[in-house]
Amino acid sequence: MFRTALCDLLKIEYPIIQGGMAWVSFAELAAAVSEAGGLGVIGSGSAPADWLRKQILQAKQLTKKPFGVNVYLLSPFVEEIMALLKEEPVAVITTGAGNPGKYVPALRDVGTKIIPVVSSVALAKRLARSGVDALIAEGMESGGHIGEITTMALVPQVVDVVNIPVIAAGGIFNGRGFVSALALGAVGVQMGTRFMCAAECTIPLQVKEAIIKAKDRDTTITGASLGHPVRSLQNKLTKKYQAMEKAGISSEELEKLGMGSLRATMVDGDVQNGTIMAGQVSAMVAKIQSAREIIMETVEGANKVISNLNKLVVQKP
């Protein structure tokens, strides 16, 4: 029932992509998601190519199914990363913070699909012309770096102006969100925050517990004054950051405050003085589950939603 164009494009069983999150989605999680029928994605962030090579080789040992790598195009190592991805090809790369157009021909030569993340219609139109295979339209409900448009408003607008497949991201947690994305015209979904609480995700337990304890208004946005807004869970760091923004502290001081804060949380487990990049669906995460359980629960939930919708259809007498 849920075999869409995305399944055929990426050769996966279910049209569900795991978000490529820096310091979060390592080989273990990516391989587990792919083994469960979705597309797992290693988040390379600003890591050097040698680190990514080890992650790719580890993932290839853990699964024979397709998986991907997220490439941060502002990384100081982006050229080395792209050279590595020609030596050690993966099925898919997702990209953020730029236009991957100049890398498309070389990646195509090794059979890699290219899927950028976009947060606006203008960016979607521009990147669609660069020869990429699909787009991930990500609304501001998501964790991490965000745009200004919600998923509900962004996805159908992007679908209407491009002629390549569109994947919905931001605020998607379960079968209800999955079906909603399909109704908006998307061919699949990307989920990030929920996979942070996958059993195979290697972030510290206290970070997962912070997500599970989160309520509906417990995410906040910092960095808007710098032009780079970020959604994360509220803690001591976000409160200090926002106070400094309000006081008009220089961008240099703000950047210094945020430097290394994501690693401090996702590796060292500091949930108060680090950054917990998580989306608004944090409030819906209730427990730690395996990647397979998350995917199957989403697919089975979508089946129930469609069944219930069919019951609501009024038949003519």
C-alpha atoms as a PDB file:
ATOM      1  CA  MET A   1       0.000   0.000   0.000  1.00  0.00           C
ATOM      2  CA  PHE A   2       2.848   2.390   0.786  1.00  0.00           C
ATOM      3  CA  ARG A   3       5.153   1.615  -2.093  1.00  0.00           C
ATOM      4  CA  THR A   4       5.696   5.054  -3.571  1.00  0.00           C
ATOM      5  CA  ALA A   5       8.052   6.514  -6.143  1.00  0.00           C
ATOM      6  CA  LEU A   6      10.583   6.993  -3.326  1.00  0.00           C
ATOM      7  CA  CYS A   7      10.774   3.238  -2.746  1.00  0.00           C
ATOM      8  CA  ASP A   8      11.573   2.666  -6.395  1.00  0.00           C
ATOM      9  CA  LEU A   9      14.069   5.547  -6.530  1.00  0.00           C
ATOM     10  CA  LEU A  10      16.044   4.420  -3.470  1.00  0.00           C
ATOM     11  CA  LYS A  11      15.287   0.675  -3.618  1.00  0.00           C
ATOM     12  CA  ILE A  12      13.829   0.605  -0.101  1.00  0.00           C
ATOM     13  CA  GLU A  13      10.785  -1.163   1.310  1.00  0.00           C
ATOM     14  CA  TYR A  14       9.089   1.745   3.080  1.00  0.00           C
ATOM     15  CA  PRO A  15       9.223   5.437   2.054  1.00  0.00           C
ATOM     16  CA  ILE A  16      10.771   6.518   5.346  1.00  0.00           C
ATOM     17  CA  ILE A  17      14.140   8.284   5.597  1.00  0.00           C
ATOM     18  CA  GLN A  18      15.972   8.739   8.884  1.00  0.00           C
ATOM     19  CA  GLY A  19      17.310  12.270   9.227  1.00  0.00           C
ATOM     20  CA  GLY A  20      21.094  12.616   8.929  1.00  0.00           C
ATOM     21  CA  MET A  21      21.869  14.252  12.285  1.00  0.00           C
ATOM     22  CA  ALA A  22      25.405  15.372  13.176  1.00  0.00           C
ATOM     23  CA  TRP A  23      26.806  13.688  16.317  1.00  0.00           C
ATOM     24  CA  VAL A  24      23.630  11.559  16.442  1.00  0.00           C
ATOM     25  CA  SER A  25      23.102   9.302  13.439  1.00  0.00           C
ATOM     26  CA  PHE A  26      26.167   7.105  13.294  1.00  0.00           C
ATOM     27  CA  ALA A  27      26.628   3.843  11.405  1.00  0.00           C
ATOM     28  CA  GLU A  28      24.770   1.762  13.997  1.00  0.00           C
ATOM     29  CA  LEU A  29      21.538   3.732  13.670  1.00  0.00           C
ATOM     30  CA  ALA A  30      21.747   4.167   9.891  1.00  0.00           C
ATOM     31  CA  ALA A  31      22.285   0.437   9.352  1.00  0.00           C
ATOM     32  CA  ALA A  32      19.429  -0.479  11.712  1.00  0.00           C
ATOM     33  CA  VAL A  33      16.988   1.796   9.876  1.00  0.00           C
ATOM     34  CA  SER A  34      18.022   0.375   6.516  1.00  0.00           C
ATOM     35  CA  GLU A  35      17.735  -3.176   7.809  1.00  0.00           C
ATOM     36  CA  ALA A  36      14.194  -2.336   8.947  1.00  0.00           C
ATOM     37  CA  GLY A  37      13.186  -1.286   5.427  1.00  0.00           C
ATOM     38  CA  GLY A  38      13.724   2.467   5.521  1.00  0.00           C
ATOM     39  CA  LEU A  39      16.751   4.501   4.493  1.00  0.00           C
ATOM     40  CA  GLY A  40      19.299   5.085   7.218  1.00  0.00           C
ATOM     41  CA  VAL A  41      21.524   8.148   6.899  1.00  0.00           C
ATOM     42  CA  ILE A  42      24.899   8.836   8.540  1.00  0.00           C
ATOM     43  CA  GLY A  43      25.233  12.479   9.617  1.00  0.00           C
ATOM     44  CA  SER A  44      28.692  13.735   8.677  1.00  0.00           C
ATOM     45  CA  GLY A  45      28.314  17.272  10.050  1.00  0.00           C
ATOM     46  CA  SER A  46      31.707  18.989  10.027  1.00  0.00           C
ATOM     47  CA  ALA A  47      33.643  15.761  10.573  1.00  0.00           C
ATOM     48  CA  PRO A  48      36.756  15.002   8.479  1.00  0.00           C
ATOM     49  CA  ALA A  49      36.751  12.472   5.659  1.00  0.00           C
ATOM     50  CA  ASP A  50      38.738   9.856   7.605  1.00  0.00           C
ATOM     51  CA  TRP A  51      36.016   9.711  10.259  1.00  0.00           C
ATOM     52  CA  LEU A  52      33.298   9.367   7.635  1.00  0.00           C
ATOM     53  CA  ARG A  53      35.212   6.625   5.822  1.00  0.00           C
ATOM     54  CA  LYS A  54      35.202   4.525   9.003  1.00  0.00           C
ATOM     55  CA  GLN A  55      31.482   5.130   9.464  1.00  0.00           C
ATOM     56  CA  ILE A  56      30.678   4.112   5.884  1.00  0.00           C
ATOM     57  CA  LEU A  57      32.766   0.939   6.124  1.00  0.00           C
ATOM     58  CA  GLN A  58      31.117   0.067   9.431  1.00  0.00           C
ATOM     59  CA  ALA A  59      27.642   0.567   7.985  1.00  0.00           C
ATOM     60  CA  LYS A  60      28.532  -1.606   4.993  1.00  0.00           C
ATOM     61  CA  GLN A  61      29.496  -4.376   7.412  1.00  0.00           C
ATOM     62  CA  LEU A  62      26.212  -4.026   9.302  1.00  0.00           C
ATOM     63  CA  THR A  63      23.859  -3.978   6.315  1.00  0.00           C
ATOM     64  CA  LYS A  64      23.813  -4.860   2.644  1.00  0.00           C
ATOM     65  CA  LYS A  65      20.789  -2.639   2.097  1.00  0.00           C
ATOM     66  CA  PRO A  66      20.958   0.943   0.766  1.00  0.00           C
ATOM     67  CA  PHE A  67      21.934   3.694   3.197  1.00  0.00           C
ATOM     68  CA  GLY A  68      22.954   7.306   2.826  1.00  0.00           C
ATOM     69  CA  VAL A  69      25.182  10.100   4.103  1.00  0.00           C
ATOM     70  CA  ASN A  70      24.127  13.644   4.950  1.00  0.00           C
ATOM     71  CA  VAL A  71      26.659  16.206   3.731  1.00  0.00           C
ATOM     72  CA  TYR A  72      26.846  19.647   5.323  1.00  0.00           C
ATOM     73  CA  LEU A  73      27.928  21.806   2.397  1.00  0.00           C
ATOM     74  CA  LEU A  74      29.484  24.461   4.676  1.00  0.00           C
ATOM     75  CA  SER A  75      31.782  21.898   6.280  1.00  0.00           C
ATOM     76  CA  PRO A  76      35.475  22.819   6.027  1.00  0.00           C
ATOM     77  CA  PHE A  77      35.998  19.262   4.779  1.00  0.00           C
ATOM     78  CA  VAL A  78      33.300  19.224   2.113  1.00  0.00           C
ATOM     79  CA  GLU A  79      35.689  18.737  -0.817  1.00  0.00           C
ATOM     80  CA  GLU A  80      37.426  15.824   0.909  1.00  0.00           C
ATOM     81  CA  ILE A  81      34.021  14.368   1.832  1.00  0.00           C
ATOM     82  CA  MET A  82      32.833  14.500  -1.766  1.00  0.00           C
ATOM     83  CA  ALA A  83      36.071  12.919  -2.984  1.00  0.00           C
ATOM     84  CA  LEU A  84      35.594  10.128  -0.435  1.00  0.00           C
ATOM     85  CA  LEU A  85      32.027   9.530  -1.608  1.00  0.00           C
ATOM     86  CA  LYS A  86      33.376   8.823  -5.074  1.00  0.00           C
ATOM     87  CA  GLU A  87      35.817   6.267  -3.622  1.00  0.00           C
ATOM     88  CA  GLU A  88      33.320   4.733  -1.191  1.00  0.00           C
ATOM     89  CA  PRO A  89      29.940   5.254  -2.893  1.00  0.00           C
ATOM     90  CA  VAL A  90      26.701   5.147  -0.933  1.00  0.00           C
ATOM     91  CA  ALA A  91      23.188   4.836  -2.317  1.00  0.00           C
ATOM     92  CA  VAL A  92      22.105   8.364  -1.417  1.00  0.00           C
ATOM     93  CA  ILE A  93      23.438  11.638  -0.122  1.00  0.00           C
ATOM     94  CA  THR A  94      21.216  14.255   1.444  1.00  0.00           C
ATOM     95  CA  THR A  95      22.607  17.773   1.668  1.00  0.00           C
ATOM     96  CA  GLY A  96      22.028  20.931   3.637  1.00  0.00           C
ATOM     97  CA  ALA A  97      23.262  24.544   3.701  1.00  0.00           C
ATOM     98  CA  GLY A  98      23.979  25.035   0.035  1.00  0.00           C
ATOM     99  CA  ASN A  99      23.635  23.898  -3.560  1.00  0.00           C
ATOM    100  CA  PRO A 100      25.140  20.479  -4.387  1.00  0.00           C
ATOM    101  CA  GLY A 101      24.832  21.090  -8.128  1.00  0.00           C
ATOM    102  CA  LYS A 102      28.550  21.066  -8.929  1.00  0.00           C
ATOM    103  CA  TYR A 103      28.902  17.614  -7.347  1.00  0.00           C
ATOM    104  CA  VAL A 104      25.962  16.024  -9.165  1.00  0.00           C
ATOM    105  CA  PRO A 105      27.798  14.680 -12.268  1.00  0.00           C
ATOM    106  CA  ALA A 106      30.561  12.924 -10.264  1.00  0.00           C
ATOM    107  CA  LEU A 107      28.072  11.417  -7.817  1.00  0.00           C
ATOM    108  CA  ARG A 108      25.830  10.282 -10.649  1.00  0.00           C
ATOM    109  CA  ASP A 109      28.834   8.513 -12.201  1.00  0.00           C
ATOM    110  CA  VAL A 110      29.105   6.240  -9.145  1.00  0.00           C
ATOM    111  CA  GLY A 111      25.346   5.647  -8.925  1.00  0.00           C
ATOM    112  CA  THR A 112      24.573   7.924  -5.979  1.00  0.00           C
ATOM    113  CA  LYS A 113      21.222   9.720  -5.706  1.00  0.00           C
ATOM    114  CA  ILE A 114      21.325  13.347  -4.506  1.00  0.00           C
ATOM    115  CA  ILE A 115      18.531  14.743  -2.323  1.00  0.00           C
ATOM    116  CA  PRO A 116      18.954  18.258  -0.852  1.00  0.00           C
ATOM    117  CA  VAL A 117      16.988  19.585   2.111  1.00  0.00           C
ATOM    118  CA  VAL A 118      15.066  22.807   1.366  1.00  0.00           C
ATOM    119  CA  SER A 119      13.116  25.168   3.597  1.00  0.00           C
ATOM    120  CA  SER A 120      11.615  27.509   1.007  1.00  0.00           C
ATOM    121  CA  VAL A 121       9.932  27.389  -2.373  1.00  0.00           C
ATOM    122  CA  ALA A 122      12.579  29.598  -3.999  1.00  0.00           C
ATOM    123  CA  LEU A 123      15.379  27.278  -2.881  1.00  0.00           C
ATOM    124  CA  ALA A 124      13.408  24.227  -4.011  1.00  0.00           C
ATOM    125  CA  LYS A 125      12.988  25.660  -7.521  1.00  0.00           C
ATOM    126  CA  ARG A 126      16.666  26.560  -7.761  1.00  0.00           C
ATOM    127  CA  LEU A 127      17.970  23.181  -6.555  1.00  0.00           C
ATOM    128  CA  ALA A 128      15.501  21.232  -8.704  1.00  0.00           C
ATOM    129  CA  ARG A 129      17.181  22.812 -11.731  1.00  0.00           C
ATOM    130  CA  SER A 130      20.609  21.550 -10.610  1.00  0.00           C
ATOM    131  CA  GLY A 131      19.855  17.958 -11.605  1.00  0.00           C
ATOM    132  CA  VAL A 132      19.176  16.442  -8.184  1.00  0.00           C
ATOM    133  CA  ASP A 133      16.949  13.368  -7.862  1.00  0.00           C
ATOM    134  CA  ALA A 134      14.457  14.537  -5.220  1.00  0.00           C
ATOM    135  CA  LEU A 135      13.979  17.178  -2.516  1.00  0.00           C
ATOM    136  CA  ILE A 136      13.326  17.032   1.210  1.00  0.00           C
ATOM    137  CA  ALA A 137      10.968  19.890   2.110  1.00  0.00           C
ATOM    138  CA  GLU A 138      11.581  20.504   5.808  1.00  0.00           C
ATOM    139  CA  GLY A 139       9.268  22.654   7.915  1.00  0.00           C
ATOM    140  CA  MET A 140      10.227  24.717  10.936  1.00  0.00           C
ATOM    141  CA  GLU A 141       8.823  22.113  13.348  1.00  0.00           C
ATOM    142  CA  SER A 142      12.026  20.140  12.927  1.00  0.00           C
ATOM    143  CA  GLY A 143      15.011  20.109  15.246  1.00  0.00           C
ATOM    144  CA  GLY A 144      18.298  21.796  14.341  1.00  0.00           C
ATOM    145  CA  HIS A 145      18.638  24.517  11.704  1.00  0.00           C
ATOM    146  CA  ILE A 146      15.208  25.642  10.545  1.00  0.00           C
ATOM    147  CA  GLY A 147      13.464  27.904   8.060  1.00  0.00           C
ATOM    148  CA  GLU A 148      10.385  30.070   8.539  1.00  0.00           C
ATOM    149  CA  ILE A 149       7.618  27.957   6.983  1.00  0.00           C
ATOM    150  CA  THR A 150       5.701  25.079   8.542  1.00  0.00           C
ATOM    151  CA  THR A 151       5.644  21.628   6.976  1.00  0.00           C
ATOM    152  CA  MET A 152       1.914  21.824   6.265  1.00  0.00           C
ATOM    153  CA  ALA A 153       2.384  25.028   4.256  1.00  0.00           C
ATOM    154  CA  LEU A 154       5.758  24.251   2.670  1.00  0.00           C
ATOM    155  CA  VAL A 155       5.305  20.743   1.264  1.00  0.00           C
ATOM    156  CA  PRO A 156       2.345  21.326  -1.094  1.00  0.00           C
ATOM    157  CA  GLN A 157       3.913  24.527  -2.405  1.00  0.00           C
ATOM    158  CA  VAL A 158       7.146  22.722  -3.227  1.00  0.00           C
ATOM    159  CA  VAL A 159       5.264  19.802  -4.780  1.00  0.00           C
ATOM    160  CA  ASP A 160       3.425  22.210  -7.062  1.00  0.00           C
ATOM    161  CA  VAL A 161       6.543  23.906  -8.482  1.00  0.00           C
ATOM    162  CA  VAL A 162       9.003  21.047  -9.074  1.00  0.00           C
ATOM    163  CA  ASN A 163       8.829  17.968 -11.279  1.00  0.00           C
ATOM    164  CA  ILE A 164      10.890  15.669  -9.061  1.00  0.00           C
ATOM    165  CA  PRO A 165       9.777  13.668  -5.979  1.00  0.00           C
ATOM    166  CA  VAL A 166       9.342  15.574  -2.714  1.00  0.00           C
ATOM    167  CA  ILE A 167       9.851  14.087   0.758  1.00  0.00           C
ATOM    168  CA  ALA A 168       8.195  15.785   3.742  1.00  0.00           C
ATOM    169  CA  ALA A 169      10.119  16.497   6.942  1.00  0.00           C
ATOM    170  CA  GLY A 170       9.507  18.391  10.158  1.00  0.00           C
ATOM    171  CA  GLY A 171       6.922  17.468  12.771  1.00  0.00           C
ATOM    172  CA  ILE A 172       6.376  13.914  11.505  1.00  0.00           C
ATOM    173  CA  PHE A 173       6.211  11.289  14.218  1.00  0.00           C
ATOM    174  CA  ASN A 174       3.826   8.458  13.353  1.00  0.00           C
ATOM    175  CA  GLY A 175       1.303   7.049  10.887  1.00  0.00           C
ATOM    176  CA  ARG A 176      -0.903  10.126  11.109  1.00  0.00           C
ATOM    177  CA  GLY A 177       1.930  12.389  10.034  1.00  0.00           C
ATOM    178  CA  PHE A 178       2.947   9.873   7.374  1.00  0.00           C
ATOM    179  CA  VAL A 179      -0.520   9.859   5.759  1.00  0.00           C
ATOM    180  CA  SER A 180      -0.767  13.643   6.068  1.00  0.00           C
ATOM    181  CA  ALA A 181       2.506  14.002   4.140  1.00  0.00           C
ATOM    182  CA  LEU A 182       1.219  11.753   1.365  1.00  0.00           C
ATOM    183  CA  ALA A 183      -1.995  13.798   1.234  1.00  0.00           C
ATOM    184  CA  LEU A 184       0.108  16.946   0.743  1.00  0.00           C
ATOM    185  CA  GLY A 185       1.711  15.383  -2.310  1.00  0.00           C
ATOM    186  CA  ALA A 186       4.927  14.006  -0.807  1.00  0.00           C
ATOM    187  CA  VAL A 187       6.194  10.558  -1.805  1.00  0.00           C
ATOM    188  CA  GLY A 188       7.648   9.791   1.616  1.00  0.00           C
ATOM    189  CA  VAL A 189       8.806  11.249   4.915  1.00  0.00           C
ATOM    190  CA  GLN A 190      11.987  12.021   6.775  1.00  0.00           C
ATOM    191  CA  MET A 191      11.932  11.558  10.555  1.00  0.00           C
ATOM    192  CA  GLY A 192      14.715  12.724  12.825  1.00  0.00           C
ATOM    193  CA  THR A 193      13.703  13.359  16.420  1.00  0.00           C
ATOM    194  CA  ARG A 194      11.916  10.061  16.897  1.00  0.00           C
ATOM    195  CA  PHE A 195      14.967   8.118  15.728  1.00  0.00           C
ATOM    196  CA  MET A 196      17.051   9.898  18.372  1.00  0.00           C
ATOM    197  CA  CYS A 197      15.273   7.624  20.829  1.00  0.00           C
ATOM    198  CA  ALA A 198      15.904   4.474  18.808  1.00  0.00           C
ATOM    199  CA  ALA A 199      17.667   1.748  20.765  1.00  0.00           C
ATOM    200  CA  GLU A 200      20.420   1.706  18.138  1.00  0.00           C
ATOM    201  CA  CYS A 201      21.078   5.441  18.436  1.00  0.00           C
ATOM    202  CA  THR A 202      24.307   5.857  20.406  1.00  0.00           C
ATOM    203  CA  ILE A 203      23.643   9.230  22.061  1.00  0.00           C
ATOM    204  CA  PRO A 204      23.728   9.179  25.904  1.00  0.00           C
ATOM    205  CA  LEU A 205      20.691   7.862  27.749  1.00  0.00           C
ATOM    206  CA  GLN A 206      20.177  11.175  29.559  1.00  0.00           C
ATOM    207  CA  VAL A 207      19.648  12.905  26.202  1.00  0.00           C
ATOM    208  CA  LYS A 208      16.983  10.383  25.227  1.00  0.00           C
ATOM    209  CA  GLU A 209      15.351  10.837  28.630  1.00  0.00           C
ATOM    210  CA  ALA A 210      15.270  14.622  28.148  1.00  0.00           C
ATOM    211  CA  ILE A 211      13.409  14.134  24.850  1.00  0.00           C
ATOM    212  CA  ILE A 212      10.972  11.668  26.420  1.00  0.00           C
ATOM    213  CA  LYS A 213      10.240  14.097  29.285  1.00  0.00           C
ATOM    214  CA  ALA A 214       9.677  17.064  26.948  1.00  0.00           C
ATOM    215  CA  LYS A 215       6.262  18.724  26.773  1.00  0.00           C
ATOM    216  CA  ASP A 216       4.586  20.451  23.842  1.00  0.00           C
ATOM    217  CA  ARG A 217       6.204  23.873  24.473  1.00  0.00           C
ATOM    218  CA  ASP A 218       9.635  22.687  25.568  1.00  0.00           C
ATOM    219  CA  THR A 219      11.500  23.439  22.341  1.00  0.00           C
ATOM    220  CA  THR A 220      12.792  26.919  21.648  1.00  0.00           C
ATOM    221  CA  ILE A 221      14.627  28.831  18.917  1.00  0.00           C
ATOM    222  CA  THR A 222      18.036  30.435  19.263  1.00  0.00           C
ATOM    223  CA  GLY A 223      20.298  32.126  16.747  1.00  0.00           C
ATOM    224  CA  ALA A 224      17.609  34.069  14.902  1.00  0.00           C
ATOM    225  CA  SER A 225      19.611  37.283  15.376  1.00  0.00           C
ATOM    226  CA  LEU A 226      22.497  35.671  13.475  1.00  0.00           C
ATOM    227  CA  GLY A 227      20.267  34.606  10.610  1.00  0.00           C
ATOM    228  CA  HIS A 228      20.735  30.940  11.495  1.00  0.00           C
ATOM    229  CA  PRO A 229      17.805  29.930  13.746  1.00  0.00           C
ATOM    230  CA  VAL A 230      18.097  26.591  15.519  1.00  0.00           C
ATOM    231  CA  ARG A 231      15.362  24.639  17.296  1.00  0.00           C
ATOM    232  CA  SER A 232      16.373  22.693  20.391  1.00  0.00           C
ATOM    233  CA  LEU A 233      15.076  21.714  23.809  1.00  0.00           C
ATOM    234  CA  GLN A 234      15.125  24.492  26.396  1.00  0.00           C
ATOM    235  CA  ASN A 235      17.907  24.291  28.974  1.00  0.00           C
ATOM    236  CA  LYS A 236      20.444  26.534  30.716  1.00  0.00           C
ATOM    237  CA  LEU A 237      22.344  27.119  27.497  1.00  0.00           C
ATOM    238  CA  THR A 238      19.311  28.225  25.443  1.00  0.00           C
ATOM    239  CA  LYS A 239      18.206  30.616  28.209  1.00  0.00           C
ATOM    240  CA  LYS A 240      21.677  32.156  28.408  1.00  0.00           C
ATOM    241  CA  TYR A 241      21.881  32.382  24.627  1.00  0.00           C
ATOM    242  CA  GLN A 242      18.496  34.101  24.330  1.00  0.00           C
ATOM    243  CA  ALA A 243      19.373  36.555  27.113  1.00  0.00           C
ATOM    244  CA  MET A 244      22.580  37.446  25.282  1.00  0.00           C
ATOM    245  CA  GLU A 245      20.667  37.878  22.002  1.00  0.00           C
ATOM    246  CA  LYS A 246      18.165  40.178  23.722  1.00  0.00           C
ATOM    247  CA  ALA A 247      21.007  42.217  25.210  1.00  0.00           C
ATOM    248  CA  GLY A 248      22.547  42.700  21.769  1.00  0.00           C
ATOM    249  CA  ILE A 249      25.736  40.780  22.472  1.00  0.00           C
ATOM    250  CA  SER A 250      28.012  40.508  19.424  1.00  0.00           C
ATOM    251  CA  SER A 251      27.676  37.661  16.948  1.00  0.00           C
ATOM    252  CA  GLU A 252      31.240  36.633  17.759  1.00  0.00           C
ATOM    253  CA  GLU A 253      30.374  36.111  21.433  1.00  0.00           C
ATOM    254  CA  LEU A 254      27.187  34.235  20.530  1.00  0.00           C
ATOM    255  CA  GLU A 255      29.050  31.940  18.161  1.00  0.00           C
ATOM    256  CA  LYS A 256      31.675  31.337  20.849  1.00  0.00           C
ATOM    257  CA  LEU A 257      28.944  30.343  23.306  1.00  0.00           C
ATOM    258  CA  GLY A 258      27.463  27.820  20.885  1.00  0.00           C
ATOM    259  CA  MET A 259      30.764  26.358  19.715  1.00  0.00           C
ATOM    260  CA  GLY A 260      31.043  22.670  20.586  1.00  0.00           C
ATOM    261  CA  SER A 261      27.691  22.653  22.363  1.00  0.00           C
ATOM    262  CA  LEU A 262      26.142  19.934  20.166  1.00  0.00           C
ATOM    263  CA  ARG A 263      29.008  17.549  20.825  1.00  0.00           C
ATOM    264  CA  ALA A 264      28.846  18.388  24.529  1.00  0.00           C
ATOM    265  CA  THR A 265      25.329  16.958  24.598  1.00  0.00           C
ATOM    266  CA  MET A 266      25.345  14.189  22.041  1.00  0.00           C
ATOM    267  CA  VAL A 267      28.721  12.726  23.024  1.00  0.00           C
ATOM    268  CA  ASP A 268      29.386  13.888  26.585  1.00  0.00           C
ATOM    269  CA  GLY A 269      25.760  13.874  27.757  1.00  0.00           C
ATOM    270  CA  ASP A 270      25.563  17.446  29.110  1.00  0.00           C
ATOM    271  CA  VAL A 271      21.848  18.159  28.777  1.00  0.00           C
ATOM    272  CA  GLN A 272      21.978  21.582  30.479  1.00  0.00           C
ATOM    273  CA  ASN A 273      25.008  23.313  28.986  1.00  0.00           C
ATOM    274  CA  GLY A 274      24.953  21.657  25.568  1.00  0.00           C
ATOM    275  CA  THR A 275      22.521  21.780  22.643  1.00  0.00           C
ATOM    276  CA  ILE A 276      19.743  19.187  22.299  1.00  0.00           C
ATOM    277  CA  MET A 277      18.703  19.717  18.687  1.00  0.00           C
ATOM    278  CA  ALA A 278      15.244  18.124  18.679  1.00  0.00           C
ATOM    279  CA  GLY A 279      11.933  18.971  17.033  1.00  0.00           C
ATOM    280  CA  GLN A 280       8.473  19.781  18.313  1.00  0.00           C
ATOM    281  CA  VAL A 281       7.460  16.110  18.152  1.00  0.00           C
ATOM    282  CA  SER A 282       9.723  15.540  21.164  1.00  0.00           C
ATOM    283  CA  ALA A 283       6.558  15.805  23.252  1.00  0.00           C
ATOM    284  CA  MET A 284       5.165  12.741  21.446  1.00  0.00           C
ATOM    285  CA  VAL A 285       8.166  10.505  22.108  1.00  0.00           C
ATOM    286  CA  ALA A 286       7.247   8.270  25.034  1.00  0.00           C
ATOM    287  CA  LYS A 287       9.841   5.503  25.045  1.00  0.00           C
ATOM    288  CA  ILE A 288      12.973   4.024  23.563  1.00  0.00           C
ATOM    289  CA  GLN A 289      12.228   1.589  20.733  1.00  0.00           C
ATOM    290  CA  SER A 290      14.207  -0.264  18.122  1.00  0.00           C
ATOM    291  CA  ALA A 291      14.439   1.280  14.669  1.00  0.00           C
ATOM    292  CA  ARG A 292      12.358  -1.607  13.350  1.00  0.00           C
ATOM    293  CA  GLU A 293       9.623  -0.966  15.913  1.00  0.00           C
ATOM    294  CA  ILE A 294       9.531   2.713  15.004  1.00  0.00           C
ATOM    295  CA  ILE A 295       9.173   1.994  11.301  1.00  0.00           C
ATOM    296  CA  MET A 296       6.607  -0.766  11.681  1.00  0.00           C
ATOM    297  CA  GLU A 297       4.557   1.249  14.164  1.00  0.00           C
ATOM    298  CA  THR A 298       4.531   4.150  11.684  1.00  0.00           C
ATOM    299  CA  VAL A 299       3.484   1.972   8.750  1.00  0.00           C
ATOM    300  CA  GLU A 300       0.841   0.064  10.728  1.00  0.00           C
ATOM    301  CA  GLY A 301      -0.459   3.350  12.138  1.00  0.00           C
ATOM    302  CA  ALA A 302      -0.777   4.717   8.616  1.00  0.00           C
ATOM    303  CA  ASN A 303      -2.825   1.666   7.628  1.00  0.00           C
ATOM    304  CA  LYS A 304      -5.195   2.328  10.532  1.00  0.00           C
ATOM    305  CA  VAL A 305      -5.551   5.989   9.594  1.00  0.00           C
ATOM    306  CA  ILE A 306      -6.505   5.116   6.030  1.00  0.00           C
ATOM    307  CA  SER A 307      -8.938   2.462   7.247  1.00  0.00           C
ATOM    308  CA  ASN A 308     -10.603   4.980   9.549  1.00  0.00           C
ATOM    309  CA  LEU A 309     -10.794   7.556   6.757  1.00  0.00           C
ATOM    310  CA  ASN A 310     -12.508   5.017   4.522  1.00  0.00           C
ATOM    311  CA  LYS A 311     -15.133   4.492   7.215  1.00  0.00           C
ATOM    312  CA  LEU A 312     -15.854   8.220   7.235  1.00  0.00           C
ATOM    313  CA  VAL A 313     -16.691   8.297   3.550  1.00  0.00           C
ATOM    314  CA  VAL A 314     -20.425   8.779   3.140  1.00  0.00           C
ATOM    315  CA  GLN A 315     -21.793   6.425   0.527  1.00  0.00           C
ATOM    316  CA  LYS A 316     -24.647   7.573  -1.703  1.00  0.00           C
ATOM    317  CA  PRO A 317     -27.903   5.764  -0.877  1.00  0.00           C
END
